[in-house]
């Protein structure tokens, strides 16, 4: 769709903009074309960002992504289709999520299309778990406080960390739902009535690390999905991070 939109813009110039901003051949489900000029002004959009037409979208980005976006705007037409990533509000979930975008410069404009990357992989869950476990081993109190304050270091899309004190068997940190802190982990069950806490505590009593699967609400999709939680025992704490399976359709 992007290649077709690029050719259409080359042929029509600014006369192509209305076609990108209405229902038609350049919208396919959640995929749509948008056009930004070299100053960062939104010229056209077939999605929710149509509300930003005429506005400078650089003002809608956090500082760390503004730098990346400005760099993208400096690319040349002969570079062909480029790829970048930034955070943007997903209108379906209302959350700021990673968005991967493919774009190509045509004259003084950039024709682009992208999609949200909100579902983490098992590898990403493992990576965050290792990072959280290392932080707990070195600075337990500071790490617990950081997780409970929703630090972006331990929170990314549908990935978050939770920590259970094995002595009390209660949550001491939860990166998504602060109200879980203090709750009895041993008695925790999933929406289907299956135990969550007890199996993980049983494994933690015998092994320093493990994995348990159960049904849980995905913080991004807000749907109940299968969650695979990896855990690692660090001193008196069980540190856990999990990823979600995409529901079968």
Protein backbone atom coordinates (compact mmCIF):
# COMPACT_ATOMS: atom_id res chain seq x y z
CA UNK A 1 0.00 0.00 0.00
CA UNK A 2 2.85 2.39 0.79
CA UNK A 3 4.53 1.86 -2.58
CA UNK A 4 1.22 2.51 -4.32
CA UNK A 5 0.67 5.67 -2.26
CA UNK A 6 4.16 6.94 -3.07
CA UNK A 7 3.57 6.54 -6.80
CA UNK A 8 0.17 8.19 -6.51
CA UNK A 9 1.67 11.18 -4.71
CA UNK A 10 4.44 11.46 -7.29
CA UNK A 11 1.81 11.55 -10.01
CA UNK A 12 -0.77 13.82 -8.36
CA UNK A 13 1.27 15.91 -5.92
CA UNK A 14 -0.88 17.83 -3.44
CA UNK A 15 -3.99 16.75 -5.35
CA UNK A 16 -3.41 13.30 -3.85
CA UNK A 17 -3.90 14.49 -0.27
CA UNK A 18 -7.73 14.27 -0.16
CA UNK A 19 -7.55 10.64 -1.32
CA UNK A 20 -5.31 9.78 1.62
CA UNK A 21 -7.67 11.44 4.09
CA UNK A 22 -10.90 9.63 3.27
CA UNK A 23 -12.17 6.07 3.20
CA UNK A 24 -10.99 4.36 0.06
CA UNK A 25 -8.14 2.52 -1.59
CA UNK A 26 -5.51 3.85 0.82
CA UNK A 27 -7.16 2.49 3.96
CA UNK A 28 -7.05 -1.22 4.78
CA UNK A 29 -8.50 -2.06 8.18
CA UNK A 30 -6.24 -0.45 10.79
CA UNK A 31 -3.63 0.44 8.15
CA UNK A 32 -3.73 3.87 6.56
CA UNK A 33 -1.52 6.40 4.80
CA UNK A 34 -0.46 9.71 6.28
CA UNK A 35 1.67 12.49 4.84
CA UNK A 36 3.96 14.88 6.72
CA UNK A 37 6.04 17.68 5.21
CA UNK A 38 9.68 18.40 6.03
CA UNK A 39 8.63 20.85 8.78
CA UNK A 40 6.65 18.16 10.59
CA UNK A 41 3.22 19.45 9.53
CA UNK A 42 0.58 16.77 9.02
CA UNK A 43 -0.80 17.17 5.48
CA UNK A 44 -3.09 14.15 5.25
CA UNK A 45 -4.15 11.09 7.23
CA UNK A 46 -6.62 8.30 6.73
CA UNK A 47 -6.66 7.47 10.44
CA UNK A 48 -7.39 9.14 13.79
CA UNK A 49 -4.40 11.44 13.29
CA UNK A 50 -6.52 13.27 10.70
CA UNK A 51 -7.41 15.52 13.64
CA UNK A 52 -3.79 16.75 13.46
CA UNK A 53 -3.92 17.84 9.82
CA UNK A 54 -2.38 21.30 9.68
CA UNK A 55 -0.59 20.80 13.01
CA UNK A 56 3.08 20.22 13.76
CA UNK A 57 3.19 16.63 15.03
CA UNK A 58 6.66 17.14 16.50
CA UNK A 59 4.88 18.89 19.37
CA UNK A 60 2.94 15.69 20.09
CA UNK A 61 6.04 13.54 20.60
CA UNK A 62 8.14 13.12 23.76
CA UNK A 63 11.66 14.66 23.51
CA UNK A 64 13.48 11.37 22.89
CA UNK A 65 11.27 10.62 19.89
CA UNK A 66 11.36 14.18 18.57
CA UNK A 67 15.08 13.77 17.88
CA UNK A 68 14.46 10.50 16.04
CA UNK A 69 11.59 12.02 14.05
CA UNK A 70 13.66 15.04 13.01
CA UNK A 71 16.39 12.69 11.82
CA UNK A 72 13.83 10.81 9.73
CA UNK A 73 12.68 14.09 8.18
CA UNK A 74 16.23 14.75 7.01
CA UNK A 75 16.38 11.65 4.78
CA UNK A 76 16.68 12.01 0.99
CA UNK A 77 14.29 10.80 -1.67
CA UNK A 78 16.91 8.50 -3.18
CA UNK A 79 17.11 6.63 0.15
CA UNK A 80 13.89 4.84 -0.79
CA UNK A 81 11.59 3.34 1.82
CA UNK A 82 12.92 3.87 5.34
CA UNK A 83 11.84 2.44 8.69
CA UNK A 84 11.57 4.02 12.13
CA UNK A 85 9.81 3.55 15.46
CA UNK A 86 8.24 5.94 17.95
CA UNK A 87 5.46 6.04 20.53
CA UNK A 88 1.96 7.18 19.62
CA UNK A 89 -1.48 6.89 21.20
CA UNK A 90 -3.36 3.88 19.88
CA UNK A 91 -6.94 5.12 19.53
CA UNK A 92 -8.29 1.60 20.07
CA UNK A 93 -6.69 1.18 23.50
CA UNK A 94 -6.11 4.78 24.57
CA UNK A 95 -2.52 3.87 25.49
CA UNK A 96 0.78 5.23 24.22
CA UNK A 97 2.34 2.32 22.34
CA UNK A 98 5.29 1.63 20.09
CA UNK A 99 4.51 2.29 16.45
CA UNK A 100 6.69 1.04 13.61
CA UNK A 101 6.45 3.22 10.54
CA UNK A 102 7.65 2.84 6.96
CA UNK A 103 8.05 6.03 4.97
CA UNK A 104 9.53 7.52 1.82
CA UNK A 105 10.34 11.06 0.93
CA UNK A 106 8.69 12.51 -2.18
CA UNK A 107 9.78 16.08 -2.80
CA UNK A 108 9.10 18.08 0.36
CA UNK A 109 6.78 15.49 1.87
CA UNK A 110 6.99 12.08 3.49
CA UNK A 111 4.42 9.44 2.64
CA UNK A 112 4.10 6.93 5.46
CA UNK A 113 2.22 3.93 6.84
CA UNK A 114 2.72 2.10 10.11
CA UNK A 115 1.40 -0.31 12.69
CA UNK A 116 1.46 -0.63 16.46
CA UNK A 117 3.90 -3.06 18.07
CA UNK A 118 2.21 -3.60 21.40
CA UNK A 119 2.59 -7.34 21.96
CA UNK A 120 5.89 -8.30 23.54
CA UNK A 121 7.72 -11.53 22.76
CA UNK A 122 9.04 -14.20 25.11
CA UNK A 123 12.56 -12.91 24.42
CA UNK A 124 11.59 -9.40 25.49
CA UNK A 125 9.99 -10.78 28.65
CA UNK A 126 13.19 -12.69 29.45
CA UNK A 127 15.28 -9.57 28.88
CA UNK A 128 13.16 -7.45 31.19
CA UNK A 129 13.18 -10.19 33.84
CA UNK A 130 16.97 -10.34 33.79
CA UNK A 131 17.14 -6.55 34.10
CA UNK A 132 14.66 -6.47 36.97
CA UNK A 133 16.29 -9.38 38.81
CA UNK A 134 19.72 -7.74 38.58
CA UNK A 135 18.28 -4.47 39.89
CA UNK A 136 16.56 -6.23 42.81
CA UNK A 137 19.78 -8.03 43.70
CA UNK A 138 21.68 -4.74 43.81
CA UNK A 139 19.07 -2.25 45.05
CA UNK A 140 15.92 -4.05 46.27
CA UNK A 141 14.13 -1.12 47.94
CA UNK A 142 14.87 1.36 45.15
CA UNK A 143 13.79 -1.15 42.50
CA UNK A 144 10.54 -1.96 44.30
CA UNK A 145 9.80 1.77 44.59
CA UNK A 146 10.60 2.30 40.90
CA UNK A 147 8.27 -0.51 39.80
CA UNK A 148 5.45 0.78 41.99
CA UNK A 149 5.88 4.27 40.53
CA UNK A 150 5.49 2.87 36.98
CA UNK A 151 9.06 3.61 35.97
CA UNK A 152 9.49 3.17 32.20
CA UNK A 153 12.62 1.15 32.98
CA UNK A 154 10.36 -1.71 34.10
CA UNK A 155 7.25 -1.00 32.03
CA UNK A 156 6.95 -1.37 28.27
CA UNK A 157 3.66 -1.89 26.43
CA UNK A 158 2.19 -5.16 27.82
CA UNK A 159 5.36 -6.04 29.76
CA UNK A 160 5.56 -5.21 33.46
CA UNK A 161 7.29 -6.56 36.56
CA UNK A 162 5.75 -7.84 39.75
CA UNK A 163 7.58 -8.90 42.91
CA UNK A 164 6.44 -11.17 45.73
CA UNK A 165 8.11 -11.37 49.14
CA UNK A 166 8.51 -15.11 49.69
CA UNK A 167 8.52 -14.65 53.46
CA UNK A 168 5.03 -13.14 53.58
CA UNK A 169 3.85 -14.51 50.21
CA UNK A 170 2.46 -11.07 49.41
CA UNK A 171 2.99 -8.67 46.53
CA UNK A 172 5.46 -5.90 47.34
CA UNK A 173 5.58 -4.44 43.82
CA UNK A 174 3.36 -4.45 40.75
CA UNK A 175 4.14 -2.49 37.62
CA UNK A 176 0.62 -2.40 36.21
CA UNK A 177 -1.80 -2.45 39.14
CA UNK A 178 -0.54 -0.75 42.30
CA UNK A 179 -3.59 -2.05 44.18
CA UNK A 180 -2.11 -5.56 44.04
CA UNK A 181 0.60 -4.55 46.51
CA UNK A 182 -0.07 -6.21 49.86
CA UNK A 183 -2.37 -8.88 48.42
CA UNK A 184 -1.80 -12.54 49.23
CA UNK A 185 -0.08 -14.04 46.19
CA UNK A 186 -0.59 -17.60 47.39
CA UNK A 187 -4.37 -17.24 47.08
CA UNK A 188 -4.30 -15.58 43.66
CA UNK A 189 -6.44 -17.29 40.98
CA UNK A 190 -7.06 -16.42 37.35
CA UNK A 191 -10.48 -15.54 35.81
CA UNK A 192 -11.09 -19.21 35.01
CA UNK A 193 -10.59 -20.15 38.66
CA UNK A 194 -7.19 -21.78 38.17
CA UNK A 195 -4.48 -21.08 40.78
CA UNK A 196 -1.76 -18.61 39.85
CA UNK A 197 0.22 -17.96 43.00
CA UNK A 198 0.46 -21.40 44.59
CA UNK A 199 2.04 -23.17 41.57
CA UNK A 200 4.65 -20.45 41.24
CA UNK A 201 5.43 -20.55 44.96
CA UNK A 202 5.76 -24.34 44.81
CA UNK A 203 8.22 -24.07 41.92
CA UNK A 204 10.14 -21.27 43.62
CA UNK A 205 10.62 -23.48 46.69
CA UNK A 206 12.52 -26.00 44.55
CA UNK A 207 14.01 -24.00 41.70
CA UNK A 208 15.59 -20.57 41.32
CA UNK A 209 13.63 -19.89 38.15
CA UNK A 210 10.60 -21.19 36.29
CA UNK A 211 7.54 -20.42 34.23
CA UNK A 212 3.78 -20.65 34.75
CA UNK A 213 0.92 -20.03 32.30
CA UNK A 214 -2.56 -18.80 33.18
CA UNK A 215 -5.34 -16.48 32.03
CA UNK A 216 -4.90 -12.79 32.79
CA UNK A 217 -5.91 -9.36 31.52
CA UNK A 218 -3.51 -7.90 28.96
CA UNK A 219 -2.95 -4.26 30.03
CA UNK A 220 -2.85 -3.10 26.41
CA UNK A 221 -5.69 -5.03 24.75
CA UNK A 222 -7.72 -5.10 28.00
CA UNK A 223 -8.74 -8.64 27.07
CA UNK A 224 -8.26 -11.85 29.03
CA UNK A 225 -5.45 -13.74 27.31
CA UNK A 226 -3.03 -16.55 28.07
CA UNK A 227 -0.08 -15.14 29.99
CA UNK A 228 3.26 -16.91 30.33
CA UNK A 229 5.02 -15.60 33.43
CA UNK A 230 8.72 -16.22 33.90
CA UNK A 231 10.10 -15.83 37.40
CA UNK A 232 13.43 -15.72 39.14
CA UNK A 233 14.15 -16.03 42.86
CA UNK A 234 16.39 -13.22 44.08
CA UNK A 235 17.11 -13.49 47.80
CA UNK A 236 13.74 -13.38 49.59
CA UNK A 237 11.92 -12.19 46.47
CA UNK A 238 10.17 -13.80 43.52
CA UNK A 239 10.62 -11.47 40.54
CA UNK A 240 8.36 -12.09 37.55
CA UNK A 241 7.69 -10.79 34.03
CA UNK A 242 5.31 -12.37 31.51
CA UNK A 243 4.18 -12.09 27.92
CA UNK A 244 0.78 -12.76 26.35
CA UNK A 245 -0.30 -15.04 23.53
CA UNK A 246 -2.25 -13.41 20.74
CA UNK A 247 -5.81 -14.78 20.94
CA UNK A 248 -6.84 -17.12 18.14
CA UNK A 249 -9.44 -15.59 15.82
